[in-house]
Protein backbone atom coordinates (compact mmCIF):
# COMPACT_ATOMS: atom_id res chain seq x y z
CA MET A 1 56.34 9.37 49.19
CA LYS A 2 58.42 9.91 46.06
CA ASP A 3 58.50 6.14 45.43
CA ARG A 4 54.71 5.90 45.67
CA MET A 5 54.21 8.82 43.29
CA GLY A 6 56.62 7.22 40.84
CA SER A 7 54.71 3.96 41.10
CA TRP A 8 51.36 5.66 40.39
CA TRP A 9 52.76 7.54 37.45
CA LYS A 10 54.49 4.45 36.09
CA ARG A 11 51.26 2.45 36.21
CA LEU A 12 49.27 5.28 34.69
CA VAL A 13 51.67 5.79 31.80
CA ALA A 14 52.42 2.10 31.24
CA SER A 15 48.79 1.05 31.13
CA ARG A 16 48.12 -1.32 28.28
CA ARG A 17 44.58 -0.08 27.84
CA GLY A 18 45.58 2.44 25.19
CA ALA A 19 44.78 6.11 25.03
CA ARG A 20 42.41 7.45 27.66
CA ARG A 21 40.48 10.61 28.02
CA PRO A 22 41.75 13.01 30.69
CA ALA A 23 38.77 12.31 32.97
CA GLU A 24 39.45 8.55 32.81
CA LYS A 25 43.13 9.09 33.59
CA LEU A 26 42.24 11.26 36.57
CA ALA A 27 39.75 8.69 37.89
CA MET A 28 42.33 5.92 37.48
CA LEU A 29 44.94 7.98 39.32
CA ALA A 30 42.48 8.63 42.17
CA ARG A 31 41.74 4.89 42.49
CA MET A 32 45.45 4.11 42.60
CA ALA A 33 45.99 6.76 45.28
CA GLU A 34 43.27 5.21 47.42
CA GLN A 35 44.91 1.81 47.17
CA THR A 36 48.41 2.85 48.22
CA ALA A 37 49.83 1.66 51.51
CA ASP A 38 52.23 3.40 53.87
CA GLN A 39 54.99 0.94 52.99
CA GLU A 40 54.92 -0.07 49.36
CA VAL A 41 57.30 -2.09 47.26
CA GLY A 42 57.86 -1.43 43.59
CA CYS A 43 57.81 -3.77 40.63
CA ASP A 44 61.55 -4.45 40.92
CA GLU A 45 61.26 -5.60 44.54
CA VAL A 46 58.21 -7.71 43.74
CA TYR A 47 59.99 -9.32 40.81
CA GLU A 48 62.84 -10.33 43.14
CA LEU A 49 60.37 -12.10 45.47
CA LEU A 50 57.90 -13.40 42.91
CA ASP A 51 59.32 -16.93 42.81
CA GLN A 52 59.00 -17.25 46.60
CA TYR A 53 55.46 -15.88 46.47
CA ALA A 54 54.51 -18.32 43.68
CA ASP A 55 56.00 -21.26 45.61
CA LEU A 56 53.81 -20.39 48.59
CA VAL A 57 50.72 -20.20 46.39
CA ALA A 58 51.57 -23.49 44.64
CA ARG A 59 51.93 -25.21 48.04
CA GLY A 60 48.52 -23.92 49.12
CA GLU A 61 49.90 -21.51 51.70
CA ASP A 62 48.75 -17.93 52.22
CA PRO A 63 51.53 -15.66 50.91
CA SER A 64 49.81 -12.54 52.23
CA VAL A 65 50.91 -13.54 55.74
CA LEU A 66 54.62 -13.82 54.94
CA LEU A 67 54.82 -11.26 52.13
CA PRO A 68 52.06 -8.70 52.76
CA ALA A 69 53.71 -5.87 50.82
CA VAL A 70 54.18 -8.11 47.79
CA HIS A 71 50.57 -9.28 48.10
CA HIS A 72 49.33 -5.69 48.20
CA HIS A 73 51.40 -4.77 45.15
CA LEU A 74 50.05 -7.72 43.20
CA MET A 75 46.50 -6.61 43.96
CA ILE A 76 47.08 -3.22 42.32
CA CYS A 77 49.68 -3.89 39.61
CA ARG A 78 48.34 -5.73 36.60
CA ASP A 79 51.77 -6.30 35.04
CA CYS A 80 53.21 -7.99 38.13
CA LYS A 81 50.03 -10.01 38.60
CA GLU A 82 50.32 -11.27 35.03
CA GLU A 83 53.93 -12.29 35.74
CA LEU A 84 52.75 -14.21 38.80
CA GLU A 85 50.01 -15.95 36.83
CA ALA A 86 52.51 -16.99 34.14
CA LEU A 87 54.91 -18.32 36.77
CA LEU A 88 52.11 -20.26 38.47
CA ARG A 89 51.13 -21.82 35.14
CA VAL A 90 54.70 -23.06 34.74
CA LEU A 91 54.89 -24.35 38.31
CA THR A 92 51.62 -26.23 38.08
CA ALA A 93 51.92 -27.45 34.49
CA GLY A 94 53.10 -30.94 35.45
CA GLN A 95 50.64 -31.41 38.30
CA PRO A 96 47.44 -33.44 37.84
């Protein structure tokens, strides 16, 4: 539970959207709480597996089957999703 709370708070504080009104922050926190899973991984764990996840995507496989916790995290964490997108651009840059 502590890890999930830390993850919510980290995302709320680290948001790149700039200053928010208190009502917007509360609504964002409520949305994040609804999206949490019983077993979550944090950004550090996702970063460690991101290359494997990207390889699966680049090969046309479904990474949500092999790495469901990473998939879930990427659906709710904009920073990690941006890292994945950048990695995929590098992996697919030389492909026609």
